[in-house]
Amino acid sequence: MASLAIPIPHGPARSAHLLQRTAREWRDGGEDLLLFAYGSLIWRPEFEYAEALHARVLGYHRVLRMRSSVNRGSPQQPGLVLALVSGGSCRGLVYRIPRNAGEETLERLWAREMPNGVYEPRWLNCMTETGEPRRLRALAFTLSRQSPHWTGTLHEPELLHIFRHAQGRYGTTLDYLLRTVQGLREQGIRDKELERQAHLAAQHGLCAPL
């Protein structure tokens, strides 16, 4: 009888496992590392890249519905960060990172995005919107709706409470939202739901209108 694989719970062990798996998948392809950015990696990449292409991921969309107890919140007051969840499409950037810098870049990404192994890294289909359209497969950080870190629908009072109180090692959830909206705008991308949330915060005096 075949043995059943035991899921690795969220934490450093799962993060390390996913890093090893992703690095192996990338090395087997023998090409430069392609990374799809849809949130803070657009306005704060923190790595060198050879090219940045406007692109659309097919089959996933961007949402501010992932609990964060480290980067933008705390265990006592979880915040929110963006994730890609299944359905629809999402505009962002594809970074091309030279192969000789791929290993180091993956390690730095994991330290920043995957301290607890919450995201599910996936190779997603993208269509470039820069120059001649091309189909690419790029690494992106996705989230399952079955994850305990998935919030589901958040009503306005819940969002406003998080915007007022959630802060983590990289700052507040509200600052993260506002910087992302601005960063997307600078790339010619308007995300209606994120802009609605920023407008909600401004309406309640939590920030200046963007």
N, C-alpha and C. Protein backbone atom coordinates (compact mmCIF):
# COMPACT_ATOMS: atom_id res chain seq x y z
N MET A 1 0.84 -1.19 0.00
CA MET A 1 0.00 0.00 0.00
C MET A 1 0.88 1.25 0.00
N ALA A 2 0.58 2.17 -0.88
CA ALA A 2 1.37 3.40 -0.95
C ALA A 2 1.13 4.25 0.28
N SER A 3 2.19 4.86 0.80
CA SER A 3 2.05 5.73 1.96
C SER A 3 1.50 7.08 1.54
N LEU A 4 0.72 7.70 2.40
CA LEU A 4 0.15 9.01 2.13
C LEU A 4 1.12 10.09 2.58
N ALA A 5 1.28 11.12 1.75
CA ALA A 5 2.14 12.24 2.13
C ALA A 5 1.48 13.02 3.26
N ILE A 6 2.26 13.36 4.27
CA ILE A 6 1.74 14.12 5.40
C ILE A 6 2.00 15.60 5.15
N PRO A 7 0.96 16.44 5.10
CA PRO A 7 1.17 17.87 4.85
C PRO A 7 2.07 18.49 5.90
N ILE A 8 2.95 19.37 5.46
CA ILE A 8 3.83 20.08 6.39
C ILE A 8 3.10 21.33 6.85
N PRO A 9 2.89 21.49 8.18
CA PRO A 9 2.15 22.67 8.66
C PRO A 9 2.93 23.95 8.40
N HIS A 10 2.18 25.07 8.41
CA HIS A 10 2.82 26.37 8.21
C HIS A 10 3.90 26.60 9.26
N GLY A 11 5.00 27.19 8.83
CA GLY A 11 6.12 27.46 9.72
C GLY A 11 7.41 27.36 8.94
N PRO A 12 8.56 27.52 9.63
CA PRO A 12 9.85 27.50 8.94
C PRO A 12 10.11 26.22 8.15
N ALA A 13 9.64 25.06 8.66
CA ALA A 13 9.90 23.80 7.95
C ALA A 13 9.18 23.79 6.61
N ARG A 14 7.94 24.26 6.57
CA ARG A 14 7.20 24.31 5.31
C ARG A 14 7.84 25.32 4.36
N SER A 15 8.26 26.46 4.90
CA SER A 15 8.90 27.47 4.08
C SER A 15 10.15 26.91 3.41
N ALA A 16 10.98 26.21 4.17
CA ALA A 16 12.21 25.63 3.63
C ALA A 16 11.88 24.58 2.57
N HIS A 17 10.87 23.77 2.83
CA HIS A 17 10.46 22.74 1.88
C HIS A 17 10.03 23.38 0.55
N LEU A 18 9.22 24.43 0.63
CA LEU A 18 8.73 25.09 -0.58
C LEU A 18 9.85 25.79 -1.34
N LEU A 19 10.82 26.34 -0.61
CA LEU A 19 11.97 26.96 -1.27
C LEU A 19 12.76 25.91 -2.05
N GLN A 20 13.02 24.78 -1.43
CA GLN A 20 13.76 23.72 -2.11
C GLN A 20 13.02 23.23 -3.34
N ARG A 21 11.70 23.05 -3.21
CA ARG A 21 10.90 22.57 -4.34
C ARG A 21 10.91 23.58 -5.49
N THR A 22 10.70 24.87 -5.15
CA THR A 22 10.64 25.90 -6.17
C THR A 22 11.98 26.08 -6.87
N ALA A 23 13.07 26.07 -6.10
CA ALA A 23 14.41 26.21 -6.69
C ALA A 23 14.70 25.04 -7.62
N ARG A 24 14.29 23.85 -7.23
CA ARG A 24 14.51 22.67 -8.09
C ARG A 24 13.71 22.80 -9.40
N GLU A 25 12.46 23.21 -9.29
CA GLU A 25 11.63 23.38 -10.49
C GLU A 25 12.24 24.42 -11.43
N TRP A 26 12.75 25.50 -10.86
CA TRP A 26 13.34 26.55 -11.69
C TRP A 26 14.63 26.05 -12.33
N ARG A 27 15.50 25.41 -11.56
CA ARG A 27 16.77 24.92 -12.12
C ARG A 27 16.52 23.93 -13.24
N ASP A 28 15.51 23.11 -13.12
CA ASP A 28 15.22 22.11 -14.15
C ASP A 28 14.85 22.76 -15.48
N GLY A 29 14.32 23.98 -15.43
CA GLY A 29 13.96 24.70 -16.65
C GLY A 29 15.15 25.27 -17.39
N GLY A 30 16.24 25.53 -16.66
CA GLY A 30 17.47 26.00 -17.28
C GLY A 30 17.43 27.40 -17.84
N GLU A 31 16.53 28.25 -17.35
CA GLU A 31 16.39 29.60 -17.91
C GLU A 31 16.52 30.64 -16.80
N ASP A 32 16.43 31.93 -17.20
CA ASP A 32 16.39 33.00 -16.22
C ASP A 32 15.15 32.83 -15.33
N LEU A 33 15.21 33.42 -14.14
CA LEU A 33 14.09 33.35 -13.21
C LEU A 33 13.07 34.44 -13.57
N LEU A 34 11.82 34.04 -13.76
CA LEU A 34 10.74 34.98 -14.02
C LEU A 34 9.84 35.05 -12.80
N LEU A 35 9.55 36.27 -12.36
CA LEU A 35 8.77 36.47 -11.15
C LEU A 35 7.62 37.44 -11.44
N PHE A 36 6.40 37.05 -11.09
CA PHE A 36 5.24 37.93 -11.28
C PHE A 36 5.01 38.74 -10.01
N ALA A 37 5.03 40.08 -10.15
CA ALA A 37 4.82 41.00 -9.02
C ALA A 37 3.44 41.62 -9.14
N TYR A 38 2.69 41.61 -8.04
CA TYR A 38 1.33 42.16 -8.07
C TYR A 38 1.05 43.09 -6.90
N GLY A 39 1.98 43.20 -5.95
CA GLY A 39 1.77 44.03 -4.77
C GLY A 39 3.03 44.81 -4.43
N SER A 40 3.56 44.56 -3.24
CA SER A 40 4.71 45.35 -2.79
C SER A 40 5.97 45.12 -3.62
N LEU A 41 6.05 43.99 -4.31
CA LEU A 41 7.22 43.77 -5.17
C LEU A 41 7.25 44.74 -6.34
N ILE A 42 6.12 45.38 -6.64
CA ILE A 42 6.10 46.39 -7.69
C ILE A 42 6.79 47.67 -7.21
N TRP A 43 6.50 48.09 -5.98
CA TRP A 43 7.07 49.36 -5.52
C TRP A 43 8.27 49.19 -4.58
N ARG A 44 8.59 47.95 -4.21
CA ARG A 44 9.79 47.71 -3.37
C ARG A 44 10.35 46.33 -3.69
N PRO A 45 10.93 46.15 -4.88
CA PRO A 45 11.39 44.80 -5.24
C PRO A 45 12.58 44.30 -4.42
N GLU A 46 13.52 45.14 -4.10
CA GLU A 46 14.70 44.77 -3.29
C GLU A 46 15.57 43.70 -3.94
N PHE A 47 15.58 43.64 -5.25
CA PHE A 47 16.51 42.76 -5.95
C PHE A 47 16.78 43.37 -7.32
N GLU A 48 17.89 42.97 -7.91
CA GLU A 48 18.26 43.45 -9.24
C GLU A 48 17.55 42.59 -10.29
N TYR A 49 17.12 43.23 -11.37
CA TYR A 49 16.47 42.49 -12.45
C TYR A 49 16.93 43.05 -13.78
N ALA A 50 16.90 42.21 -14.79
CA ALA A 50 17.36 42.62 -16.11
C ALA A 50 16.27 43.26 -16.93
N GLU A 51 14.99 42.95 -16.60
CA GLU A 51 13.88 43.43 -17.40
C GLU A 51 12.62 43.39 -16.54
N ALA A 52 11.73 44.36 -16.77
CA ALA A 52 10.41 44.38 -16.13
C ALA A 52 9.36 44.56 -17.22
N LEU A 53 8.47 43.59 -17.35
CA LEU A 53 7.47 43.59 -18.41
C LEU A 53 6.07 43.71 -17.82
N HIS A 54 5.26 44.59 -18.39
CA HIS A 54 3.86 44.61 -18.00
C HIS A 54 3.20 43.32 -18.48
N ALA A 55 2.45 42.69 -17.59
CA ALA A 55 1.88 41.38 -17.93
C ALA A 55 0.59 41.16 -17.16
N ARG A 56 -0.18 40.21 -17.64
CA ARG A 56 -1.43 39.81 -16.98
C ARG A 56 -1.36 38.32 -16.68
N VAL A 57 -1.59 37.98 -15.41
CA VAL A 57 -1.69 36.59 -15.01
C VAL A 57 -3.09 36.09 -15.33
N LEU A 58 -3.17 34.89 -15.89
CA LEU A 58 -4.44 34.32 -16.26
C LEU A 58 -4.88 33.30 -15.22
N GLY A 59 -6.11 33.45 -14.71
CA GLY A 59 -6.66 32.46 -13.79
C GLY A 59 -6.56 32.80 -12.32
N TYR A 60 -5.96 33.96 -11.99
CA TYR A 60 -5.84 34.40 -10.59
C TYR A 60 -6.09 35.90 -10.53
N HIS A 61 -6.55 36.37 -9.37
CA HIS A 61 -6.74 37.81 -9.19
C HIS A 61 -6.21 38.24 -7.82
N ARG A 62 -5.97 39.54 -7.68
CA ARG A 62 -5.32 40.14 -6.50
C ARG A 62 -6.38 40.53 -5.49
N VAL A 63 -6.17 40.18 -4.20
CA VAL A 63 -7.10 40.56 -3.13
C VAL A 63 -6.33 40.86 -1.85
N LEU A 64 -6.85 41.79 -1.07
CA LEU A 64 -6.29 42.11 0.25
C LEU A 64 -7.07 41.31 1.30
N ARG A 65 -6.83 40.00 1.31
CA ARG A 65 -7.61 39.13 2.19
C ARG A 65 -6.76 38.03 2.83
N MET A 66 -5.50 38.32 3.03
CA MET A 66 -4.63 37.35 3.70
C MET A 66 -4.15 37.93 5.01
N ARG A 67 -4.38 37.21 6.09
CA ARG A 67 -3.96 37.68 7.42
C ARG A 67 -2.45 37.71 7.51
N SER A 68 -1.94 38.75 8.15
CA SER A 68 -0.50 38.90 8.35
C SER A 68 -0.22 39.16 9.83
N SER A 69 0.52 38.26 10.45
CA SER A 69 0.87 38.44 11.85
C SER A 69 2.34 38.78 12.03
N VAL A 70 3.05 39.03 10.91
CA VAL A 70 4.47 39.38 10.97
C VAL A 70 4.74 40.68 10.21
N ASN A 71 4.51 40.66 8.90
CA ASN A 71 4.93 41.79 8.06
C ASN A 71 4.08 43.04 8.25
N ARG A 72 2.74 42.87 8.33
CA ARG A 72 1.85 44.04 8.41
C ARG A 72 0.85 43.92 9.55
N GLY A 73 1.18 43.10 10.53
CA GLY A 73 0.34 42.94 11.70
C GLY A 73 1.09 42.17 12.76
N SER A 74 0.40 41.79 13.81
CA SER A 74 1.01 41.06 14.91
C SER A 74 0.08 39.93 15.32
N PRO A 75 0.56 38.98 16.12
CA PRO A 75 -0.36 37.94 16.61
C PRO A 75 -1.54 38.52 17.39
N GLN A 76 -1.30 39.62 18.10
CA GLN A 76 -2.37 40.25 18.88
C GLN A 76 -3.34 41.01 17.98
N GLN A 77 -2.84 41.61 16.91
CA GLN A 77 -3.69 42.35 15.97
C GLN A 77 -3.22 42.04 14.54
N PRO A 78 -3.73 40.95 13.98
CA PRO A 78 -3.33 40.61 12.62
C PRO A 78 -3.71 41.70 11.63
N GLY A 79 -2.83 41.90 10.67
CA GLY A 79 -3.11 42.82 9.59
C GLY A 79 -3.48 42.07 8.33
N LEU A 80 -3.33 42.73 7.20
CA LEU A 80 -3.66 42.14 5.91
C LEU A 80 -2.53 42.39 4.92
N VAL A 81 -2.34 41.42 4.03
CA VAL A 81 -1.47 41.60 2.87
C VAL A 81 -2.18 41.01 1.66
N LEU A 82 -1.63 41.33 0.51
CA LEU A 82 -2.23 40.85 -0.73
C LEU A 82 -1.85 39.41 -1.02
N ALA A 83 -2.73 38.76 -1.76
CA ALA A 83 -2.46 37.42 -2.28
C ALA A 83 -3.14 37.28 -3.62
N LEU A 84 -2.70 36.31 -4.39
CA LEU A 84 -3.41 35.91 -5.60
C LEU A 84 -4.27 34.70 -5.28
N VAL A 85 -5.55 34.77 -5.60
CA VAL A 85 -6.45 33.64 -5.42
C VAL A 85 -7.07 33.29 -6.77
N SER A 86 -7.56 32.08 -6.90
CA SER A 86 -8.02 31.59 -8.18
C SER A 86 -9.22 32.35 -8.69
N GLY A 87 -9.27 32.49 -10.02
CA GLY A 87 -10.38 33.16 -10.69
C GLY A 87 -9.96 34.48 -11.30
N GLY A 88 -10.45 34.75 -12.50
CA GLY A 88 -10.21 36.05 -13.13
C GLY A 88 -8.80 36.20 -13.66
N SER A 89 -8.29 37.43 -13.58
CA SER A 89 -6.94 37.72 -14.06
C SER A 89 -6.39 38.89 -13.26
N CYS A 90 -5.11 39.16 -13.42
CA CYS A 90 -4.46 40.20 -12.62
C CYS A 90 -3.34 40.83 -13.43
N ARG A 91 -3.33 42.16 -13.49
CA ARG A 91 -2.25 42.89 -14.15
C ARG A 91 -1.14 43.19 -13.15
N GLY A 92 0.09 43.07 -13.62
CA GLY A 92 1.24 43.37 -12.77
C GLY A 92 2.50 43.45 -13.62
N LEU A 93 3.63 43.10 -13.01
CA LEU A 93 4.91 43.11 -13.71
C LEU A 93 5.55 41.73 -13.65
N VAL A 94 6.19 41.34 -14.73
CA VAL A 94 7.05 40.16 -14.71
C VAL A 94 8.50 40.64 -14.72
N TYR A 95 9.23 40.29 -13.66
CA TYR A 95 10.65 40.60 -13.60
C TYR A 95 11.45 39.42 -14.16
N ARG A 96 12.43 39.74 -14.98
CA ARG A 96 13.37 38.71 -15.46
C ARG A 96 14.68 38.88 -14.71
N ILE A 97 15.04 37.86 -13.97
CA ILE A 97 16.24 37.89 -13.13
C ILE A 97 17.26 36.94 -13.75
N PRO A 98 18.46 37.41 -14.07
CA PRO A 98 19.45 36.55 -14.72
C PRO A 98 19.70 35.27 -13.93
N ARG A 99 19.95 34.21 -14.66
CA ARG A 99 20.08 32.89 -14.03
C ARG A 99 21.16 32.87 -12.94
N ASN A 100 22.24 33.61 -13.15
CA ASN A 100 23.33 33.56 -12.16
C ASN A 100 22.96 34.26 -10.85
N ALA A 101 21.85 35.01 -10.84
CA ALA A 101 21.39 35.66 -9.61
C ALA A 101 20.12 35.02 -9.06
N GLY A 102 19.65 33.96 -9.72
CA GLY A 102 18.37 33.37 -9.34
C GLY A 102 18.35 32.77 -7.95
N GLU A 103 19.36 32.00 -7.59
CA GLU A 103 19.39 31.33 -6.28
C GLU A 103 19.33 32.36 -5.14
N GLU A 104 20.19 33.37 -5.23
CA GLU A 104 20.23 34.39 -4.18
C GLU A 104 18.90 35.14 -4.12
N THR A 105 18.32 35.44 -5.26
CA THR A 105 17.05 36.17 -5.28
C THR A 105 15.95 35.36 -4.63
N LEU A 106 15.87 34.07 -4.92
CA LEU A 106 14.86 33.22 -4.30
C LEU A 106 15.02 33.20 -2.78
N GLU A 107 16.25 33.09 -2.31
CA GLU A 107 16.48 33.07 -0.86
C GLU A 107 16.04 34.37 -0.21
N ARG A 108 16.32 35.50 -0.85
CA ARG A 108 15.91 36.80 -0.31
C ARG A 108 14.39 36.95 -0.35
N LEU A 109 13.78 36.47 -1.41
CA LEU A 109 12.32 36.52 -1.50
C LEU A 109 11.68 35.70 -0.39
N TRP A 110 12.22 34.54 -0.13
CA TRP A 110 11.64 33.68 0.91
C TRP A 110 11.75 34.33 2.29
N ALA A 111 12.89 34.96 2.56
CA ALA A 111 13.06 35.62 3.86
C ALA A 111 12.03 36.73 4.04
N ARG A 112 11.67 37.38 2.94
CA ARG A 112 10.73 38.50 3.00
C ARG A 112 9.27 38.05 2.94
N GLU A 113 8.95 37.18 1.98
CA GLU A 113 7.56 36.84 1.71
C GLU A 113 7.09 35.55 2.40
N MET A 114 8.01 34.69 2.77
CA MET A 114 7.63 33.35 3.23
C MET A 114 8.23 32.97 4.58
N PRO A 115 8.27 33.88 5.57
CA PRO A 115 8.88 33.49 6.85
C PRO A 115 8.14 32.33 7.52
N ASN A 116 6.83 32.23 7.28
CA ASN A 116 6.03 31.15 7.89
C ASN A 116 5.46 30.18 6.87
N GLY A 117 5.88 30.31 5.62
CA GLY A 117 5.42 29.36 4.60
C GLY A 117 3.93 29.41 4.33
N VAL A 118 3.34 30.61 4.39
CA VAL A 118 1.88 30.72 4.25
C VAL A 118 1.46 30.70 2.78
N TYR A 119 2.18 31.41 1.93
CA TYR A 119 1.84 31.42 0.51
C TYR A 119 2.09 30.05 -0.12
N GLU A 120 1.43 29.82 -1.24
CA GLU A 120 1.70 28.65 -2.08
C GLU A 120 2.37 29.15 -3.36
N PRO A 121 3.68 28.98 -3.51
CA PRO A 121 4.35 29.44 -4.74
C PRO A 121 3.89 28.59 -5.93
N ARG A 122 3.57 29.26 -7.03
CA ARG A 122 3.12 28.55 -8.23
C ARG A 122 3.72 29.21 -9.46
N TRP A 123 3.89 28.40 -10.50
CA TRP A 123 4.31 28.90 -11.80
C TRP A 123 3.06 29.15 -12.62
N LEU A 124 2.76 30.41 -12.88
CA LEU A 124 1.51 30.80 -13.51
C LEU A 124 1.73 31.30 -14.94
N ASN A 125 0.70 31.09 -15.77
CA ASN A 125 0.73 31.60 -17.13
C ASN A 125 0.48 33.10 -17.14
N CYS A 126 1.31 33.83 -17.87
CA CYS A 126 1.17 35.28 -18.01
C CYS A 126 1.20 35.64 -19.48
N MET A 127 0.48 36.70 -19.83
CA MET A 127 0.58 37.27 -21.17
C MET A 127 1.20 38.65 -21.04
N THR A 128 2.30 38.88 -21.73
CA THR A 128 2.95 40.18 -21.64
C THR A 128 2.12 41.23 -22.34
N GLU A 129 2.21 42.46 -21.82
CA GLU A 129 1.51 43.60 -22.41
C GLU A 129 2.51 44.65 -22.88
N THR A 130 3.78 44.28 -22.92
CA THR A 130 4.86 45.15 -23.38
C THR A 130 5.37 44.63 -24.71
N GLY A 131 5.25 45.44 -25.76
CA GLY A 131 5.72 45.00 -27.07
C GLY A 131 4.87 43.88 -27.62
N GLU A 132 5.50 42.96 -28.33
CA GLU A 132 4.80 41.81 -28.92
C GLU A 132 4.30 40.89 -27.80
N PRO A 133 3.00 40.57 -27.77
CA PRO A 133 2.47 39.71 -26.69
C PRO A 133 3.18 38.35 -26.67
N ARG A 134 3.55 37.92 -25.48
CA ARG A 134 4.20 36.61 -25.30
C ARG A 134 3.57 35.91 -24.11
N ARG A 135 3.50 34.59 -24.19
CA ARG A 135 3.05 33.80 -23.04
C ARG A 135 4.28 33.33 -22.27
N LEU A 136 4.29 33.63 -20.97
CA LEU A 136 5.40 33.26 -20.11
C LEU A 136 4.87 32.49 -18.90
N ARG A 137 5.76 31.73 -18.27
CA ARG A 137 5.43 31.11 -16.98
C ARG A 137 6.31 31.76 -15.92
N ALA A 138 5.68 32.37 -14.95
CA ALA A 138 6.42 33.12 -13.93
C ALA A 138 6.01 32.66 -12.54
N LEU A 139 6.92 32.77 -11.62
CA LEU A 139 6.66 32.41 -10.23
C LEU A 139 5.81 33.48 -9.56
N ALA A 140 4.79 33.06 -8.83
CA ALA A 140 3.94 34.00 -8.09
C ALA A 140 3.55 33.37 -6.76
N PHE A 141 3.21 34.23 -5.80
CA PHE A 141 2.81 33.77 -4.47
C PHE A 141 1.29 33.80 -4.38
N THR A 142 0.68 32.62 -4.32
CA THR A 142 -0.77 32.48 -4.31
C THR A 142 -1.25 32.02 -2.94
N LEU A 143 -2.58 32.02 -2.78
CA LEU A 143 -3.17 31.60 -1.51
C LEU A 143 -4.42 30.77 -1.80
N SER A 144 -4.57 29.68 -1.08
CA SER A 144 -5.78 28.87 -1.18
C SER A 144 -6.87 29.44 -0.29
N ARG A 145 -8.11 29.36 -0.76
CA ARG A 145 -9.23 29.78 0.08
C ARG A 145 -9.46 28.82 1.26
N GLN A 146 -8.76 27.70 1.24
CA GLN A 146 -8.83 26.76 2.37
C GLN A 146 -7.78 27.08 3.44
N SER A 147 -6.91 28.03 3.17
CA SER A 147 -5.86 28.37 4.12
C SER A 147 -6.46 29.04 5.36
N PRO A 148 -5.94 28.76 6.54
CA PRO A 148 -6.40 29.46 7.75
C PRO A 148 -6.07 30.94 7.72
N HIS A 149 -5.22 31.36 6.80
CA HIS A 149 -4.87 32.78 6.69
C HIS A 149 -5.77 33.53 5.71
N TRP A 150 -6.67 32.82 5.07
CA TRP A 150 -7.64 33.44 4.16
C TRP A 150 -8.76 34.04 5.01
N THR A 151 -9.07 35.32 4.79
CA THR A 151 -10.07 35.98 5.64
C THR A 151 -11.48 35.83 5.12
N GLY A 152 -11.65 35.52 3.84
CA GLY A 152 -12.98 35.62 3.25
C GLY A 152 -13.39 37.08 3.15
N THR A 153 -14.68 37.31 3.00
CA THR A 153 -15.18 38.68 2.87
C THR A 153 -14.98 39.45 4.16
N LEU A 154 -14.46 40.68 4.04
CA LEU A 154 -14.30 41.56 5.19
C LEU A 154 -15.24 42.75 5.03
N HIS A 155 -16.05 42.99 6.04
CA HIS A 155 -16.98 44.12 6.00
C HIS A 155 -16.25 45.40 6.41
N GLU A 156 -16.82 46.53 6.07
CA GLU A 156 -16.15 47.81 6.28
C GLU A 156 -15.70 48.05 7.72
N PRO A 157 -16.51 47.76 8.75
CA PRO A 157 -16.02 47.97 10.12
C PRO A 157 -14.77 47.14 10.43
N GLU A 158 -14.70 45.91 9.91
CA GLU A 158 -13.51 45.08 10.12
C GLU A 158 -12.30 45.69 9.44
N LEU A 159 -12.48 46.12 8.20
CA LEU A 159 -11.37 46.74 7.48
C LEU A 159 -10.86 47.99 8.20
N LEU A 160 -11.78 48.84 8.63
CA LEU A 160 -11.39 50.08 9.28
C LEU A 160 -10.65 49.80 10.59
N HIS A 161 -11.07 48.80 11.33
CA HIS A 161 -10.37 48.44 12.57
C HIS A 161 -8.94 48.02 12.26
N ILE A 162 -8.77 47.21 11.21
CA ILE A 162 -7.42 46.78 10.82
C ILE A 162 -6.59 47.97 10.36
N PHE A 163 -7.18 48.85 9.56
CA PHE A 163 -6.44 50.02 9.09
C PHE A 163 -5.99 50.90 10.24
N ARG A 164 -6.77 50.97 11.31
CA ARG A 164 -6.42 51.80 12.46
C ARG A 164 -5.34 51.18 13.33
N HIS A 165 -5.31 49.85 13.44
CA HIS A 165 -4.54 49.23 14.52
C HIS A 165 -3.44 48.26 14.09
N ALA A 166 -3.51 47.70 12.88
CA ALA A 166 -2.56 46.62 12.52
C ALA A 166 -1.22 47.18 12.07
N GLN A 167 -0.16 46.71 12.71
CA GLN A 167 1.21 47.12 12.36
C GLN A 167 2.15 45.96 12.58
N GLY A 168 3.08 45.76 11.62
CA GLY A 168 4.06 44.68 11.72
C GLY A 168 5.46 45.18 11.48
N ARG A 169 6.36 44.26 11.14
CA ARG A 169 7.79 44.62 11.04
C ARG A 169 8.06 45.57 9.87
N TYR A 170 7.18 45.59 8.86
CA TYR A 170 7.38 46.48 7.72
C TYR A 170 6.44 47.68 7.75
N GLY A 171 5.65 47.84 8.81
CA GLY A 171 4.76 48.98 8.89
C GLY A 171 3.30 48.55 8.98
N THR A 172 2.40 49.49 8.73
CA THR A 172 0.98 49.24 8.91
C THR A 172 0.34 48.64 7.66
N THR A 173 -0.80 48.00 7.88
CA THR A 173 -1.59 47.50 6.74
C THR A 173 -2.04 48.66 5.86
N LEU A 174 -2.45 49.76 6.48
CA LEU A 174 -2.95 50.89 5.70
C LEU A 174 -1.84 51.46 4.81
N ASP A 175 -0.65 51.62 5.34
CA ASP A 175 0.46 52.12 4.52
C ASP A 175 0.74 51.17 3.36
N TYR A 176 0.67 49.88 3.61
CA TYR A 176 0.87 48.86 2.58
C TYR A 176 -0.17 49.03 1.47
N LEU A 177 -1.42 49.22 1.85
CA LEU A 177 -2.49 49.41 0.87
C LEU A 177 -2.24 50.67 0.04
N LEU A 178 -1.95 51.78 0.70
CA LEU A 178 -1.79 53.05 -0.01
C LEU A 178 -0.59 53.02 -0.95
N ARG A 179 0.51 52.43 -0.49
CA ARG A 179 1.69 52.35 -1.34
C ARG A 179 1.44 51.46 -2.55
N THR A 180 0.67 50.41 -2.34
CA THR A 180 0.37 49.52 -3.46
C THR A 180 -0.51 50.21 -4.49
N VAL A 181 -1.54 50.91 -4.03
CA VAL A 181 -2.40 51.65 -4.97
C VAL A 181 -1.57 52.64 -5.76
N GLN A 182 -0.69 53.38 -5.09
CA GLN A 182 0.14 54.36 -5.78
C GLN A 182 1.12 53.69 -6.73
N GLY A 183 1.73 52.59 -6.27
CA GLY A 183 2.67 51.88 -7.13
C GLY A 183 2.01 51.32 -8.38
N LEU A 184 0.80 50.81 -8.24
CA LEU A 184 0.06 50.31 -9.39
C LEU A 184 -0.27 51.45 -10.35
N ARG A 185 -0.71 52.57 -9.79
CA ARG A 185 -1.03 53.72 -10.64
C ARG A 185 0.18 54.16 -11.45
N GLU A 186 1.35 54.14 -10.83
CA GLU A 186 2.56 54.57 -11.54
C GLU A 186 2.89 53.65 -12.71
N GLN A 187 2.36 52.42 -12.65
CA GLN A 187 2.54 51.48 -13.75
C GLN A 187 1.34 51.48 -14.70
N GLY A 188 0.42 52.42 -14.50
CA GLY A 188 -0.75 52.49 -15.36
C GLY A 188 -1.81 51.46 -15.04
N ILE A 189 -1.82 50.94 -13.81
CA ILE A 189 -2.77 49.90 -13.40
C ILE A 189 -3.71 50.47 -12.34
N ARG A 190 -4.98 50.34 -12.54
CA ARG A 190 -5.97 50.77 -11.56
C ARG A 190 -6.72 49.53 -11.06
N ASP A 191 -6.63 49.26 -9.77
CA ASP A 191 -7.32 48.14 -9.15
C ASP A 191 -8.53 48.70 -8.41
N LYS A 192 -9.73 48.46 -8.92
CA LYS A 192 -10.93 49.10 -8.40
C LYS A 192 -11.17 48.78 -6.92
N GLU A 193 -10.96 47.53 -6.52
CA GLU A 193 -11.24 47.16 -5.13
C GLU A 193 -10.23 47.78 -4.18
N LEU A 194 -8.96 47.77 -4.52
CA LEU A 194 -7.96 48.41 -3.65
C LEU A 194 -8.20 49.91 -3.57
N GLU A 195 -8.58 50.52 -4.68
CA GLU A 195 -8.87 51.95 -4.66
C GLU A 195 -10.10 52.25 -3.81
N ARG A 196 -11.08 51.36 -3.85
CA ARG A 196 -12.27 51.54 -2.99
C ARG A 196 -11.89 51.48 -1.52
N GLN A 197 -10.99 50.56 -1.17
CA GLN A 197 -10.57 50.43 0.22
C GLN A 197 -9.77 51.65 0.67
N ALA A 198 -8.91 52.17 -0.22
CA ALA A 198 -8.17 53.39 0.12
C ALA A 198 -9.11 54.57 0.29
N HIS A 199 -10.13 54.65 -0.56
CA HIS A 199 -11.12 55.73 -0.45
C HIS A 199 -11.88 55.61 0.86
N LEU A 200 -12.20 54.39 1.27
CA LEU A 200 -12.89 54.17 2.54
C LEU A 200 -12.05 54.70 3.70
N ALA A 201 -10.76 54.40 3.70
CA ALA A 201 -9.87 54.89 4.76
C ALA A 201 -9.83 56.41 4.77
N ALA A 202 -9.78 57.03 3.60
CA ALA A 202 -9.75 58.49 3.52
C ALA A 202 -11.06 59.10 4.01
N GLN A 203 -12.17 58.48 3.68
CA GLN A 203 -13.48 58.96 4.14
C GLN A 203 -13.57 59.02 5.65
N HIS A 204 -12.88 58.11 6.33
CA HIS A 204 -12.93 58.06 7.80
C HIS A 204 -11.73 58.74 8.44
N GLY A 205 -11.05 59.57 7.68
CA GLY A 205 -9.99 60.40 8.23
C GLY A 205 -8.70 59.66 8.59
N LEU A 206 -8.49 58.47 8.02
CA LEU A 206 -7.30 57.69 8.35
C LEU A 206 -6.11 58.02 7.46
N CYS A 207 -6.38 58.68 6.35
CA CYS A 207 -5.32 59.07 5.43
C CYS A 207 -5.84 60.18 4.53
N ALA A 208 -4.93 60.80 3.81
CA ALA A 208 -5.33 61.80 2.82
C ALA A 208 -5.83 61.09 1.56
N PRO A 209 -6.73 61.69 0.81
CA PRO A 209 -7.18 61.07 -0.44
C PRO A 209 -6.00 60.90 -1.40
N LEU A 210 -5.99 59.79 -2.10
CA LEU A 210 -4.93 59.56 -3.09
C LEU A 210 -5.26 60.31 -4.38
